């Protein structure tokens, strides 16, 4: 299956074309929150590449969260528009699982971390996705196994984690090419006609969005 994949859940923006779970081409920016400007450009480049290679896009895969509210909204609206325009189904995949695949780590306890501001993170432990305010290692896991933690919420935790069996792995970010790996495993949903209803789909925010009060005079 040829899938157009989108990942905008963190400050990293990426999009890719994957075929049978393997990346063919990826566009990515690691340098800040420019999703609204970069993602349309990436999509145009990838669709042009697909036409040149005679590839037919069969689905759009989306890293669904949790993560940045703004990033998730941009990615979701783009993905839904593509699905309508191309008349293909949407395949959402969990962002924290994308991050696990990106780590490439095959042993120990894996704790992906996405920054949720201050000392709070989004994480997945033993299959449970949750928001956690981190005080120490026991806030997340109490076992004696080797633990590997990573993601954009991990660096701040590394400053307070002292246990020798806890290992901070830097430089791991969610990328669209890994979205394709998970999406390929969901193609049975298309075959069984269990595709997402685009009209009602929303990303997985995990926490409710609370807008800050505007400081512009006359706005409340």
N, C-alpha and C. Protein backbone atom coordinates (compact mmCIF):
# COMPACT_ATOMS: atom_id res chain seq x y z
N UNK A 1 0.84 -1.20 0.00
CA UNK A 1 0.00 0.00 0.00
C UNK A 1 0.87 1.25 0.00
N UNK A 2 0.53 2.22 -0.82
CA UNK A 2 1.26 3.49 -0.87
C UNK A 2 0.51 4.51 -0.01
N UNK A 3 1.20 5.04 1.01
CA UNK A 3 0.56 5.90 2.00
C UNK A 3 1.30 7.22 2.11
N UNK A 4 0.56 8.31 2.11
CA UNK A 4 1.12 9.63 2.39
C UNK A 4 1.02 9.86 3.90
N UNK A 5 2.16 10.11 4.54
CA UNK A 5 2.23 10.16 6.01
C UNK A 5 2.56 11.56 6.50
N UNK A 6 1.93 11.95 7.62
CA UNK A 6 2.09 13.29 8.19
C UNK A 6 2.43 13.19 9.67
N UNK A 7 3.45 13.96 10.09
CA UNK A 7 3.84 14.01 11.51
C UNK A 7 4.09 15.46 11.90
N UNK A 8 3.20 16.01 12.76
CA UNK A 8 3.32 17.41 13.18
C UNK A 8 3.06 17.57 14.68
N UNK A 9 3.26 16.53 15.45
CA UNK A 9 2.85 16.55 16.85
C UNK A 9 3.80 17.31 17.78
N UNK A 10 5.04 17.56 17.31
CA UNK A 10 6.02 18.29 18.12
C UNK A 10 6.56 19.44 17.29
N UNK A 11 7.69 20.00 17.68
CA UNK A 11 8.29 21.09 16.92
C UNK A 11 8.85 20.61 15.59
N UNK A 12 9.01 19.30 15.44
CA UNK A 12 9.49 18.72 14.18
C UNK A 12 8.31 18.59 13.21
N UNK A 13 8.52 19.00 11.98
CA UNK A 13 7.48 18.88 10.95
C UNK A 13 8.00 17.95 9.86
N UNK A 14 7.21 16.93 9.51
CA UNK A 14 7.65 16.03 8.46
C UNK A 14 6.47 15.41 7.73
N UNK A 15 6.74 15.00 6.50
CA UNK A 15 5.76 14.27 5.69
C UNK A 15 6.55 13.30 4.83
N UNK A 16 5.92 12.18 4.48
CA UNK A 16 6.64 11.14 3.74
C UNK A 16 5.68 10.32 2.90
N UNK A 17 6.22 9.68 1.89
CA UNK A 17 5.51 8.65 1.16
C UNK A 17 6.14 7.31 1.51
N UNK A 18 5.29 6.39 1.97
CA UNK A 18 5.76 5.05 2.31
C UNK A 18 5.01 4.03 1.47
N UNK A 19 5.72 2.98 1.08
CA UNK A 19 5.10 1.90 0.32
C UNK A 19 5.38 0.58 1.02
N UNK A 20 4.31 -0.12 1.36
CA UNK A 20 4.43 -1.40 2.09
C UNK A 20 5.24 -1.25 3.38
N UNK A 21 5.06 -0.09 4.05
CA UNK A 21 5.71 0.15 5.33
C UNK A 21 7.11 0.71 5.26
N UNK A 22 7.66 0.85 4.06
CA UNK A 22 9.02 1.37 3.90
C UNK A 22 8.99 2.77 3.30
N UNK A 23 9.80 3.70 3.82
CA UNK A 23 9.80 5.06 3.29
C UNK A 23 10.44 5.13 1.91
N UNK A 24 9.80 5.88 1.01
CA UNK A 24 10.35 6.13 -0.32
C UNK A 24 10.97 7.52 -0.38
N UNK A 25 10.26 8.48 0.21
CA UNK A 25 10.75 9.87 0.22
C UNK A 25 10.19 10.57 1.44
N UNK A 26 11.03 11.37 2.12
CA UNK A 26 10.58 12.13 3.28
C UNK A 26 11.08 13.57 3.19
N UNK A 27 10.24 14.50 3.64
CA UNK A 27 10.61 15.90 3.81
C UNK A 27 10.50 16.20 5.30
N UNK A 28 11.51 16.85 5.87
CA UNK A 28 11.50 17.06 7.31
C UNK A 28 12.24 18.34 7.68
N UNK A 29 11.73 19.02 8.72
CA UNK A 29 12.40 20.18 9.30
C UNK A 29 12.48 19.96 10.81
N UNK A 30 13.69 20.05 11.35
CA UNK A 30 13.92 19.82 12.77
C UNK A 30 14.04 21.12 13.56
N UNK A 31 13.87 22.24 12.90
CA UNK A 31 14.29 23.52 13.49
C UNK A 31 13.16 24.45 13.87
N UNK A 32 12.12 23.96 14.53
CA UNK A 32 11.13 24.87 15.06
C UNK A 32 9.75 24.70 14.48
N UNK A 33 8.83 25.51 15.00
CA UNK A 33 7.41 25.36 14.68
C UNK A 33 7.03 26.19 13.46
N UNK A 34 7.27 25.61 12.27
CA UNK A 34 6.90 26.27 11.01
C UNK A 34 5.92 25.40 10.24
N UNK A 35 5.11 24.64 10.97
CA UNK A 35 4.27 23.62 10.35
C UNK A 35 3.31 24.20 9.30
N UNK A 36 2.65 25.30 9.62
CA UNK A 36 1.65 25.86 8.71
C UNK A 36 2.27 26.30 7.39
N UNK A 37 3.52 26.72 7.44
CA UNK A 37 4.22 27.15 6.22
C UNK A 37 4.85 25.97 5.49
N UNK A 38 5.44 25.05 6.23
CA UNK A 38 6.22 23.97 5.61
C UNK A 38 5.38 22.79 5.13
N UNK A 39 4.35 22.42 5.89
CA UNK A 39 3.62 21.20 5.55
C UNK A 39 2.99 21.25 4.15
N UNK A 40 2.31 22.35 3.77
CA UNK A 40 1.76 22.39 2.40
C UNK A 40 2.85 22.24 1.33
N UNK A 41 4.02 22.84 1.58
CA UNK A 41 5.13 22.72 0.64
C UNK A 41 5.59 21.27 0.53
N UNK A 42 5.70 20.61 1.67
CA UNK A 42 6.12 19.20 1.67
C UNK A 42 5.12 18.32 0.93
N UNK A 43 3.84 18.56 1.19
CA UNK A 43 2.79 17.77 0.55
C UNK A 43 2.84 17.95 -0.97
N UNK A 44 2.99 19.18 -1.41
CA UNK A 44 3.07 19.45 -2.85
C UNK A 44 4.25 18.73 -3.48
N UNK A 45 5.40 18.77 -2.79
CA UNK A 45 6.60 18.10 -3.30
C UNK A 45 6.40 16.58 -3.37
N UNK A 46 5.77 16.01 -2.35
CA UNK A 46 5.56 14.57 -2.31
C UNK A 46 4.54 14.11 -3.34
N UNK A 47 3.47 14.87 -3.52
CA UNK A 47 2.47 14.51 -4.52
C UNK A 47 3.05 14.60 -5.93
N UNK A 48 3.90 15.60 -6.16
CA UNK A 48 4.57 15.72 -7.45
C UNK A 48 5.49 14.52 -7.67
N UNK A 49 6.21 14.12 -6.62
CA UNK A 49 7.08 12.94 -6.70
C UNK A 49 6.26 11.69 -7.00
N UNK A 50 5.11 11.57 -6.34
CA UNK A 50 4.25 10.40 -6.57
C UNK A 50 3.80 10.32 -8.02
N UNK A 51 3.43 11.48 -8.61
CA UNK A 51 3.00 11.49 -10.01
C UNK A 51 4.15 11.08 -10.94
N UNK A 52 5.34 11.59 -10.65
CA UNK A 52 6.50 11.27 -11.48
C UNK A 52 6.83 9.78 -11.43
N UNK A 53 6.61 9.17 -10.26
CA UNK A 53 6.92 7.75 -10.07
C UNK A 53 5.73 6.84 -10.36
N UNK A 54 4.64 7.42 -10.85
CA UNK A 54 3.41 6.67 -11.14
C UNK A 54 2.89 5.93 -9.92
N UNK A 55 2.98 6.60 -8.76
CA UNK A 55 2.48 6.03 -7.52
C UNK A 55 1.08 6.56 -7.23
N UNK A 56 0.19 5.70 -6.87
CA UNK A 56 -1.18 6.09 -6.54
C UNK A 56 -1.35 6.07 -5.02
N UNK A 57 -1.63 7.23 -4.44
CA UNK A 57 -1.81 7.31 -2.99
C UNK A 57 -3.09 6.59 -2.60
N UNK A 58 -2.97 5.60 -1.71
CA UNK A 58 -4.11 4.77 -1.32
C UNK A 58 -4.68 5.12 0.04
N UNK A 59 -3.93 5.90 0.83
CA UNK A 59 -4.40 6.31 2.16
C UNK A 59 -3.51 7.45 2.65
N UNK A 60 -4.03 8.18 3.62
CA UNK A 60 -3.25 9.21 4.32
C UNK A 60 -3.13 8.78 5.77
N UNK A 61 -1.91 8.72 6.27
CA UNK A 61 -1.66 8.35 7.66
C UNK A 61 -1.27 9.57 8.46
N UNK A 62 -1.75 9.65 9.68
CA UNK A 62 -1.55 10.82 10.53
C UNK A 62 -1.08 10.41 11.91
N UNK A 63 -0.04 11.06 12.39
CA UNK A 63 0.36 10.90 13.78
C UNK A 63 -0.63 11.70 14.62
N UNK A 64 -1.48 11.01 15.38
CA UNK A 64 -2.69 11.63 15.93
C UNK A 64 -2.52 12.27 17.30
N UNK A 65 -1.37 12.18 17.92
CA UNK A 65 -1.17 12.75 19.24
C UNK A 65 -1.00 11.67 20.30
N UNK A 66 -0.78 12.13 21.53
CA UNK A 66 -0.81 13.52 22.01
C UNK A 66 0.41 14.32 21.57
N UNK A 67 0.32 15.63 21.80
CA UNK A 67 1.42 16.50 21.43
C UNK A 67 0.97 17.95 21.43
N UNK A 68 1.61 18.75 20.59
CA UNK A 68 1.30 20.17 20.49
C UNK A 68 -0.11 20.37 19.92
N UNK A 69 -0.92 21.16 20.60
CA UNK A 69 -2.28 21.43 20.12
C UNK A 69 -2.24 22.02 18.71
N UNK A 70 -1.41 23.04 18.53
CA UNK A 70 -1.34 23.70 17.24
C UNK A 70 -0.85 22.75 16.16
N UNK A 71 0.22 22.02 16.45
CA UNK A 71 0.77 21.08 15.49
C UNK A 71 -0.24 20.01 15.10
N UNK A 72 -0.96 19.47 16.07
CA UNK A 72 -1.94 18.44 15.79
C UNK A 72 -3.09 18.97 14.94
N UNK A 73 -3.51 20.20 15.21
CA UNK A 73 -4.60 20.79 14.42
C UNK A 73 -4.17 21.00 12.97
N UNK A 74 -2.95 21.47 12.77
CA UNK A 74 -2.45 21.69 11.41
C UNK A 74 -2.35 20.36 10.67
N UNK A 75 -1.77 19.37 11.31
CA UNK A 75 -1.63 18.06 10.68
C UNK A 75 -2.96 17.42 10.37
N UNK A 76 -3.91 17.53 11.31
CA UNK A 76 -5.22 16.90 11.12
C UNK A 76 -6.01 17.56 10.00
N UNK A 77 -6.04 18.88 9.99
CA UNK A 77 -6.80 19.58 8.95
C UNK A 77 -6.21 19.29 7.57
N UNK A 78 -4.90 19.24 7.48
CA UNK A 78 -4.24 18.92 6.21
C UNK A 78 -4.57 17.50 5.77
N UNK A 79 -4.48 16.56 6.71
CA UNK A 79 -4.75 15.16 6.39
C UNK A 79 -6.19 14.96 5.94
N UNK A 80 -7.13 15.59 6.63
CA UNK A 80 -8.54 15.44 6.25
C UNK A 80 -8.81 16.04 4.87
N UNK A 81 -8.20 17.19 4.59
CA UNK A 81 -8.37 17.79 3.28
C UNK A 81 -7.82 16.90 2.17
N UNK A 82 -6.68 16.28 2.43
CA UNK A 82 -6.10 15.37 1.45
C UNK A 82 -6.99 14.16 1.22
N UNK A 83 -7.54 13.63 2.31
CA UNK A 83 -8.42 12.46 2.20
C UNK A 83 -9.65 12.78 1.36
N UNK A 84 -10.23 13.96 1.58
CA UNK A 84 -11.39 14.38 0.77
C UNK A 84 -10.98 14.55 -0.69
N UNK A 85 -9.86 15.24 -0.90
CA UNK A 85 -9.43 15.54 -2.27
C UNK A 85 -9.01 14.32 -3.06
N UNK A 86 -8.33 13.39 -2.40
CA UNK A 86 -7.83 12.19 -3.07
C UNK A 86 -8.82 11.03 -3.00
N UNK A 87 -9.88 11.22 -2.19
CA UNK A 87 -10.88 10.17 -1.99
C UNK A 87 -10.23 8.89 -1.45
N UNK A 88 -9.45 9.06 -0.38
CA UNK A 88 -8.78 7.93 0.25
C UNK A 88 -9.07 7.96 1.75
N UNK A 89 -8.91 6.85 2.45
CA UNK A 89 -9.18 6.81 3.90
C UNK A 89 -8.06 7.41 4.73
N UNK A 90 -8.41 7.76 5.96
CA UNK A 90 -7.45 8.28 6.94
C UNK A 90 -7.06 7.17 7.91
N UNK A 91 -5.75 7.06 8.17
CA UNK A 91 -5.24 6.07 9.11
C UNK A 91 -4.48 6.78 10.23
N UNK A 92 -5.13 7.09 11.35
CA UNK A 92 -4.43 7.73 12.48
C UNK A 92 -3.62 6.69 13.25
N UNK A 93 -2.43 7.08 13.71
CA UNK A 93 -1.59 6.19 14.52
C UNK A 93 -1.11 6.95 15.75
N UNK A 94 -0.90 6.26 16.88
CA UNK A 94 -0.49 6.94 18.12
C UNK A 94 0.92 7.51 18.05
N UNK A 95 1.07 8.77 18.39
CA UNK A 95 2.36 9.44 18.31
C UNK A 95 3.41 8.80 19.20
N UNK A 96 3.04 8.39 20.39
CA UNK A 96 4.02 7.80 21.30
C UNK A 96 4.55 6.47 20.78
N UNK A 97 3.73 5.75 20.03
CA UNK A 97 4.20 4.52 19.41
C UNK A 97 5.13 4.83 18.24
N UNK A 98 4.85 5.93 17.54
CA UNK A 98 5.75 6.38 16.48
C UNK A 98 7.13 6.67 17.08
N UNK A 99 7.13 7.33 18.23
CA UNK A 99 8.37 7.68 18.91
C UNK A 99 9.14 6.43 19.34
N UNK A 100 8.44 5.41 19.77
CA UNK A 100 9.10 4.15 20.15
C UNK A 100 9.80 3.51 18.96
N UNK A 101 9.11 3.49 17.82
CA UNK A 101 9.73 2.93 16.62
C UNK A 101 10.94 3.75 16.20
N UNK A 102 10.83 5.07 16.32
CA UNK A 102 11.93 5.96 15.95
C UNK A 102 13.17 5.70 16.81
N UNK A 103 12.98 5.25 18.04
CA UNK A 103 14.11 5.01 18.94
C UNK A 103 14.98 3.86 18.47
N UNK A 104 14.38 2.87 17.82
CA UNK A 104 15.12 1.71 17.38
C UNK A 104 15.58 0.80 18.50
N UNK A 105 15.14 1.07 19.72
CA UNK A 105 15.57 0.28 20.89
C UNK A 105 14.71 -0.97 21.00
N UNK A 106 15.34 -2.11 21.15
CA UNK A 106 14.64 -3.39 21.15
C UNK A 106 14.64 -4.08 22.51
N UNK A 107 15.21 -3.45 23.53
CA UNK A 107 15.31 -4.10 24.84
C UNK A 107 14.93 -3.13 25.95
N UNK A 108 14.71 -3.69 27.14
CA UNK A 108 14.41 -2.86 28.30
C UNK A 108 13.01 -2.27 28.26
N UNK A 109 12.76 -1.36 29.20
CA UNK A 109 11.50 -0.64 29.30
C UNK A 109 11.63 0.66 28.53
N UNK A 110 10.76 0.87 27.55
CA UNK A 110 10.82 2.09 26.74
C UNK A 110 9.78 3.09 27.23
N UNK A 111 10.25 4.30 27.53
CA UNK A 111 9.34 5.34 28.00
C UNK A 111 9.49 6.56 27.09
N UNK A 112 8.62 6.67 26.09
CA UNK A 112 8.64 7.86 25.23
C UNK A 112 8.06 9.05 25.98
N UNK A 113 8.59 10.23 25.73
CA UNK A 113 8.14 11.42 26.45
C UNK A 113 7.94 12.58 25.49
N UNK A 114 6.75 13.15 25.50
CA UNK A 114 6.48 14.37 24.73
C UNK A 114 6.23 15.50 25.71
N UNK A 115 6.87 16.62 25.49
CA UNK A 115 6.79 17.75 26.41
C UNK A 115 5.37 18.29 26.50
N UNK A 116 4.89 18.47 27.73
CA UNK A 116 3.57 19.06 27.95
C UNK A 116 3.69 20.31 28.83
N UNK A 117 4.87 20.92 28.82
CA UNK A 117 5.19 22.15 29.55
C UNK A 117 5.47 21.90 31.02
N UNK A 118 6.25 22.80 31.59
CA UNK A 118 6.74 22.69 32.95
C UNK A 118 7.31 21.29 33.15
N UNK A 119 6.95 20.60 34.22
CA UNK A 119 7.47 19.25 34.44
C UNK A 119 6.45 18.18 34.11
N UNK A 120 5.52 18.51 33.23
CA UNK A 120 4.53 17.53 32.79
C UNK A 120 4.92 16.97 31.43
N UNK A 121 4.64 15.69 31.24
CA UNK A 121 4.91 15.04 29.97
C UNK A 121 3.73 14.16 29.57
N UNK A 122 3.65 13.87 28.27
CA UNK A 122 2.77 12.81 27.78
C UNK A 122 3.64 11.58 27.60
N UNK A 123 3.17 10.44 28.07
CA UNK A 123 3.97 9.23 27.95
C UNK A 123 3.09 8.01 27.80
N UNK A 124 3.72 6.89 27.50
CA UNK A 124 3.02 5.62 27.39
C UNK A 124 3.84 4.57 28.12
N UNK A 125 3.22 3.96 29.14
CA UNK A 125 3.87 2.94 29.94
C UNK A 125 2.94 1.74 30.06
N UNK A 126 3.46 0.57 29.72
CA UNK A 126 2.65 -0.66 29.77
C UNK A 126 1.36 -0.52 28.97
N UNK A 127 1.46 0.16 27.84
CA UNK A 127 0.31 0.30 26.96
C UNK A 127 -0.66 1.40 27.35
N UNK A 128 -0.42 2.07 28.47
CA UNK A 128 -1.31 3.14 28.93
C UNK A 128 -0.73 4.50 28.59
N UNK A 129 -1.51 5.32 27.88
CA UNK A 129 -1.09 6.67 27.54
C UNK A 129 -1.66 7.64 28.56
N UNK A 130 -0.79 8.51 29.10
CA UNK A 130 -1.25 9.43 30.14
C UNK A 130 -0.36 10.66 30.22
N UNK A 131 -0.89 11.69 30.89
CA UNK A 131 -0.12 12.89 31.20
C UNK A 131 0.37 12.77 32.64
N UNK A 132 1.66 13.01 32.85
CA UNK A 132 2.26 12.82 34.17
C UNK A 132 3.08 14.05 34.55
N UNK A 133 2.89 14.51 35.78
CA UNK A 133 3.78 15.52 36.35
C UNK A 133 4.93 14.77 37.01
N UNK A 134 6.13 14.98 36.50
CA UNK A 134 7.29 14.18 36.91
C UNK A 134 8.01 14.82 38.09
N UNK A 135 8.16 14.05 39.15
CA UNK A 135 8.95 14.49 40.31
C UNK A 135 10.25 13.70 40.41
N UNK A 136 10.19 12.43 40.08
CA UNK A 136 11.36 11.56 40.06
C UNK A 136 11.02 10.32 39.25
N UNK A 137 11.91 9.32 39.24
CA UNK A 137 11.68 8.12 38.45
C UNK A 137 10.41 7.39 38.86
N UNK A 138 10.11 7.41 40.15
CA UNK A 138 8.93 6.69 40.65
C UNK A 138 7.62 7.28 40.13
N UNK A 139 7.68 8.49 39.61
CA UNK A 139 6.48 9.08 39.00
C UNK A 139 6.05 8.31 37.76
N UNK A 140 7.01 7.54 37.20
CA UNK A 140 6.76 6.85 35.95
C UNK A 140 6.84 5.34 36.05
N UNK A 141 7.87 4.85 36.75
CA UNK A 141 8.09 3.40 36.77
C UNK A 141 8.93 3.04 37.99
N UNK A 142 8.58 1.93 38.64
CA UNK A 142 9.27 1.56 39.89
C UNK A 142 10.06 0.26 39.79
N UNK A 143 10.11 -0.37 38.63
CA UNK A 143 10.82 -1.63 38.48
C UNK A 143 12.33 -1.44 38.43
N UNK A 144 13.05 -2.57 38.44
CA UNK A 144 14.52 -2.54 38.44
C UNK A 144 15.12 -2.79 37.06
N UNK A 145 14.27 -2.97 36.05
CA UNK A 145 14.78 -3.22 34.71
C UNK A 145 15.50 -1.99 34.15
N UNK A 146 16.25 -2.22 33.07
CA UNK A 146 16.87 -1.10 32.37
C UNK A 146 15.78 -0.28 31.68
N UNK A 147 15.81 1.03 31.89
CA UNK A 147 14.78 1.92 31.35
C UNK A 147 15.44 2.89 30.37
N UNK A 148 14.83 3.05 29.21
CA UNK A 148 15.31 4.00 28.20
C UNK A 148 14.22 5.02 27.95
N UNK A 149 14.54 6.29 28.16
CA UNK A 149 13.54 7.33 27.96
C UNK A 149 14.06 8.36 26.96
N UNK A 150 13.14 8.91 26.15
CA UNK A 150 13.54 9.72 25.01
C UNK A 150 12.36 10.56 24.55
N UNK A 151 12.64 11.49 23.64
CA UNK A 151 11.61 12.40 23.16
C UNK A 151 11.87 13.81 23.65
N UNK A 152 11.09 14.79 23.17
CA UNK A 152 11.36 16.19 23.53
C UNK A 152 10.97 16.54 24.96
N UNK A 153 10.35 15.60 25.68
CA UNK A 153 10.08 15.83 27.10
C UNK A 153 11.08 15.16 28.01
N UNK A 154 12.08 14.49 27.42
CA UNK A 154 13.00 13.68 28.22
C UNK A 154 14.17 14.47 28.80
N UNK A 155 14.65 15.48 28.08
CA UNK A 155 15.83 16.20 28.54
C UNK A 155 15.62 16.84 29.90
N UNK A 156 14.45 17.46 30.11
CA UNK A 156 14.20 18.10 31.39
C UNK A 156 14.12 17.08 32.52
N UNK A 157 13.68 15.86 32.19
CA UNK A 157 13.63 14.81 33.21
C UNK A 157 15.01 14.28 33.55
N UNK A 158 15.92 14.32 32.57
CA UNK A 158 17.27 13.80 32.80
C UNK A 158 18.01 14.59 33.88
N UNK A 159 17.56 15.81 34.13
CA UNK A 159 18.21 16.65 35.14
C UNK A 159 17.89 16.21 36.56
N UNK A 160 16.79 15.46 36.70
CA UNK A 160 16.40 15.04 38.06
C UNK A 160 16.43 13.52 38.25
N UNK A 161 16.65 12.76 37.17
CA UNK A 161 16.74 11.31 37.28
C UNK A 161 18.18 10.92 37.63
N UNK A 162 18.34 10.11 38.65
CA UNK A 162 19.68 9.74 39.11
C UNK A 162 19.92 8.23 39.15
N UNK A 163 18.88 7.43 38.97
CA UNK A 163 19.06 5.98 39.07
C UNK A 163 19.90 5.46 37.90
N UNK A 164 20.87 4.58 38.21
CA UNK A 164 21.79 4.11 37.16
C UNK A 164 21.14 3.25 36.08
N UNK A 165 19.97 2.69 36.36
CA UNK A 165 19.31 1.85 35.35
C UNK A 165 18.40 2.67 34.42
N UNK A 166 18.38 3.99 34.63
CA UNK A 166 17.59 4.88 33.76
C UNK A 166 18.54 5.56 32.78
N UNK A 167 18.26 5.41 31.48
CA UNK A 167 19.16 5.90 30.44
C UNK A 167 18.44 6.89 29.52
N UNK A 168 18.95 8.11 29.47
CA UNK A 168 18.40 9.13 28.59
C UNK A 168 19.02 8.97 27.20
N UNK A 169 18.17 8.86 26.18
CA UNK A 169 18.63 8.72 24.80
C UNK A 169 18.23 9.99 24.05
N UNK A 170 19.20 10.77 23.65
CA UNK A 170 18.92 12.06 23.01
C UNK A 170 18.74 11.91 21.50
N UNK A 171 18.17 12.94 20.89
CA UNK A 171 18.10 13.02 19.43
C UNK A 171 17.02 12.20 18.77
N UNK A 172 16.09 11.64 19.55
CA UNK A 172 15.02 10.83 18.97
C UNK A 172 13.77 11.68 18.83
N UNK A 173 13.25 11.78 17.62
CA UNK A 173 12.06 12.58 17.35
C UNK A 173 11.08 11.75 16.51
N UNK A 174 9.79 12.02 16.61
CA UNK A 174 8.83 11.34 15.74
C UNK A 174 8.99 11.84 14.31
N UNK A 175 8.97 10.92 13.36
CA UNK A 175 9.09 11.28 11.94
C UNK A 175 8.01 10.58 11.14
N UNK A 176 7.64 11.21 10.02
CA UNK A 176 6.57 10.68 9.19
C UNK A 176 6.89 9.29 8.65
N UNK A 177 8.16 9.00 8.39
CA UNK A 177 8.51 7.69 7.84
C UNK A 177 8.15 6.56 8.80
N UNK A 178 8.17 6.85 10.11
CA UNK A 178 7.79 5.82 11.08
C UNK A 178 6.27 5.72 11.22
N UNK A 179 5.57 6.80 10.89
CA UNK A 179 4.11 6.76 10.84
C UNK A 179 3.67 5.70 9.83
N UNK A 180 4.40 5.64 8.72
CA UNK A 180 4.07 4.67 7.68
C UNK A 180 4.19 3.23 8.12
N UNK A 181 5.13 2.96 9.02
CA UNK A 181 5.30 1.60 9.54
C UNK A 181 4.05 1.16 10.29
N UNK A 182 3.55 2.02 11.16
CA UNK A 182 2.36 1.69 11.94
C UNK A 182 1.11 1.67 11.07
N UNK A 183 1.03 2.60 10.12
CA UNK A 183 -0.15 2.67 9.27
C UNK A 183 -0.30 1.43 8.40
N UNK A 184 0.81 0.89 7.96
CA UNK A 184 0.76 -0.31 7.12
C UNK A 184 0.09 -1.46 7.87
N UNK A 185 0.29 -1.49 9.19
CA UNK A 185 -0.32 -2.55 10.00
C UNK A 185 -1.82 -2.36 10.17
N UNK A 186 -2.32 -1.18 9.77
CA UNK A 186 -3.75 -0.90 9.93
C UNK A 186 -4.54 -1.02 8.63
N UNK A 187 -3.89 -1.47 7.58
CA UNK A 187 -4.59 -1.51 6.30
C UNK A 187 -5.77 -2.49 6.31
N UNK A 188 -5.77 -3.40 7.27
CA UNK A 188 -6.91 -4.32 7.38
C UNK A 188 -8.21 -3.57 7.68
N UNK A 189 -8.09 -2.38 8.34
CA UNK A 189 -9.28 -1.58 8.62
C UNK A 189 -9.93 -1.11 7.32
N UNK A 190 -9.09 -0.80 6.34
CA UNK A 190 -9.62 -0.38 5.04
C UNK A 190 -10.30 -1.56 4.37
N UNK A 191 -9.61 -2.70 4.42
CA UNK A 191 -10.15 -3.90 3.78
C UNK A 191 -11.47 -4.32 4.41
N UNK A 192 -11.62 -4.07 5.72
CA UNK A 192 -12.85 -4.43 6.42
C UNK A 192 -13.85 -3.28 6.47
N UNK A 193 -13.55 -2.21 5.71
CA UNK A 193 -14.42 -1.04 5.61
C UNK A 193 -14.71 -0.40 6.97
N UNK A 194 -13.65 -0.28 7.77
CA UNK A 194 -13.77 0.35 9.08
C UNK A 194 -12.99 1.66 9.11
N UNK A 195 -13.01 2.39 8.02
CA UNK A 195 -12.25 3.62 7.93
C UNK A 195 -12.86 4.71 8.81
N UNK A 196 -12.03 5.70 9.13
CA UNK A 196 -12.43 6.82 9.99
C UNK A 196 -13.46 7.71 9.28
N UNK A 197 -14.46 8.16 10.04
CA UNK A 197 -15.42 9.14 9.53
C UNK A 197 -14.76 10.53 9.62
N UNK A 198 -14.37 11.07 8.49
CA UNK A 198 -13.62 12.32 8.47
C UNK A 198 -14.39 13.48 9.08
N UNK A 199 -15.69 13.48 8.95
CA UNK A 199 -16.49 14.61 9.44
C UNK A 199 -16.39 14.76 10.96
N UNK A 200 -16.17 13.66 11.65
CA UNK A 200 -16.18 13.70 13.12
C UNK A 200 -14.82 13.42 13.75
N UNK A 201 -13.83 13.16 12.93
CA UNK A 201 -12.51 12.81 13.50
C UNK A 201 -11.82 14.03 14.12
N UNK A 202 -11.24 13.83 15.30
CA UNK A 202 -10.41 14.82 15.96
C UNK A 202 -9.13 14.15 16.45
N UNK A 203 -8.03 14.88 16.52
CA UNK A 203 -6.79 14.28 17.02
C UNK A 203 -6.89 13.94 18.50
N UNK A 204 -5.94 13.17 18.98
CA UNK A 204 -5.91 12.73 20.36
C UNK A 204 -5.14 13.75 21.19
N UNK A 205 -5.86 14.74 21.74
CA UNK A 205 -5.20 15.79 22.51
C UNK A 205 -4.76 15.30 23.89
N UNK A 206 -5.45 14.34 24.44
CA UNK A 206 -5.26 13.79 25.79
C UNK A 206 -5.74 14.75 26.88
N UNK A 207 -5.32 16.02 26.79
CA UNK A 207 -5.82 17.02 27.73
C UNK A 207 -6.65 18.04 26.96
N UNK A 208 -7.61 18.65 27.65
CA UNK A 208 -8.41 19.69 27.02
C UNK A 208 -7.56 20.93 26.80
N UNK A 209 -7.82 21.60 25.67
CA UNK A 209 -7.11 22.84 25.36
C UNK A 209 -7.69 23.97 26.19
N UNK A 210 -6.81 24.72 26.88
CA UNK A 210 -7.22 25.88 27.66
C UNK A 210 -6.52 27.10 27.09
N UNK A 211 -7.26 27.96 26.46
CA UNK A 211 -6.67 29.15 25.83
C UNK A 211 -6.33 30.19 26.90
N UNK A 212 -5.16 30.80 26.73
CA UNK A 212 -4.77 31.86 27.66
C UNK A 212 -5.55 33.12 27.35
N UNK A 213 -5.77 33.94 28.40
CA UNK A 213 -6.51 35.18 28.21
C UNK A 213 -5.66 36.15 27.38
N UNK A 214 -6.31 36.76 26.40
CA UNK A 214 -5.59 37.69 25.54
C UNK A 214 -5.19 38.95 26.30
N UNK A 215 -3.98 39.47 25.97
CA UNK A 215 -3.52 40.71 26.57
C UNK A 215 -3.74 41.91 25.64
N UNK A 216 -4.40 41.64 24.51
CA UNK A 216 -4.69 42.73 23.57
C UNK A 216 -5.91 43.51 24.08
N UNK A 217 -5.80 44.80 24.13
CA UNK A 217 -6.87 45.63 24.67
C UNK A 217 -8.15 45.44 23.87
N UNK A 218 -9.24 45.18 24.57
CA UNK A 218 -10.54 45.00 23.93
C UNK A 218 -10.89 43.55 23.67
N UNK A 219 -9.92 42.64 23.85
CA UNK A 219 -10.18 41.22 23.64
C UNK A 219 -10.15 40.49 24.96
N UNK A 220 -11.11 39.57 25.17
CA UNK A 220 -11.16 38.81 26.42
C UNK A 220 -11.42 37.36 26.09
